[in-house]
Protein backbone atom coordinates (compact mmCIF):
# COMPACT_ATOMS: atom_id res chain seq x y z
CA MET A 1 0.00 0.00 0.00
CA LEU A 2 1.23 3.49 -0.87
CA MET A 3 1.04 4.95 2.62
CA ASP A 4 2.98 2.02 4.14
CA ASP A 5 6.22 3.37 2.66
CA PHE A 6 5.55 6.80 1.18
CA TYR A 7 9.27 7.76 1.16
CA SER A 8 10.23 4.75 -0.98
CA HIS A 9 7.26 5.27 -3.27
CA ILE A 10 8.10 8.93 -3.92
CA ASN A 11 11.83 8.30 -4.41
CA LYS A 12 11.69 5.00 -6.32
CA ASP A 13 12.90 6.47 -9.63
CA TRP A 14 15.82 8.19 -7.95
CA PHE A 15 16.73 5.02 -6.02
CA ALA A 16 16.65 3.04 -9.27
CA SER A 17 18.84 5.48 -11.25
CA PHE A 18 21.29 6.91 -8.70
CA VAL A 19 24.85 5.60 -8.67
CA LEU A 20 27.02 6.58 -5.70
CA PRO A 21 30.24 8.19 -6.94
CA LYS A 22 33.24 5.94 -6.27
CA ASP A 23 34.99 8.60 -4.20
CA HIS A 24 32.01 9.02 -1.82
CA VAL A 25 30.82 6.90 1.07
CA ARG A 26 27.61 8.89 1.15
CA PHE A 27 25.98 11.54 -1.04
CA ASN A 28 23.56 14.21 0.15
CA SER A 29 22.34 17.64 -0.89
CA PHE A 30 25.50 19.30 0.43
CA ASP A 31 27.62 17.08 -1.81
CA CYS A 32 25.41 17.96 -4.76
CA VAL A 33 25.76 21.71 -4.11
CA THR A 34 29.52 21.34 -3.58
CA ASP A 35 29.89 19.62 -6.95
CA LEU A 36 27.84 22.31 -8.69
CA VAL A 37 29.88 25.12 -7.11
CA LYS A 38 33.19 23.44 -7.99
CA ASN A 39 32.10 23.03 -11.61
CA ASP A 40 30.87 26.63 -11.84
CA LEU A 41 34.06 27.97 -10.24
CA TRP A 42 36.24 25.93 -12.57
CA ALA A 43 34.33 27.29 -15.58
CA ILE A 44 34.88 30.86 -14.34
CA LEU A 45 38.60 30.22 -13.81
CA GLN A 46 38.93 28.69 -17.28
CA ASP A 47 37.36 31.83 -18.77
CA GLU A 48 39.79 33.98 -16.81
CA ILE A 49 42.73 31.93 -18.12
CA LYS A 50 41.40 32.13 -21.69
CA ASN A 51 40.97 35.93 -21.41
CA ASN A 52 44.47 36.27 -19.91
CA THR A 53 43.27 38.33 -16.95
CA THR A 54 45.35 38.85 -13.83
CA LEU A 55 43.37 36.14 -12.06
CA GLY A 56 43.79 33.85 -15.06
CA LYS A 57 47.55 34.34 -14.99
CA MET A 58 47.63 33.57 -11.27
CA VAL A 59 45.62 30.38 -11.73
CA ASN A 60 47.80 29.34 -14.65
CA ASN A 61 50.94 29.91 -12.59
CA LEU A 62 49.51 27.88 -9.71
CA GLN A 63 48.65 25.04 -12.07
CA ASN A 64 52.17 25.04 -13.50
CA GLU A 65 53.73 25.04 -10.02
CA THR A 66 51.53 22.10 -9.01
CA ILE A 67 52.34 20.15 -12.16
CA TYR A 68 56.08 20.72 -12.05
CA SER A 69 56.75 20.51 -8.33
């Protein structure tokens, strides 16, 4: 009956399709927001690098230091 397990009924499609990322032991709304912010920030930094702004140069230098150190 629907009301016996309303939570499972409402979330059944998500339960069926969700795959836990290999680098997570759990995944919640904070993880989702964190991933979105990281992706948005990376896109902004890539634009700054492409446009050769001061911030872009700083990020590029940091990347090179990380790669070569």
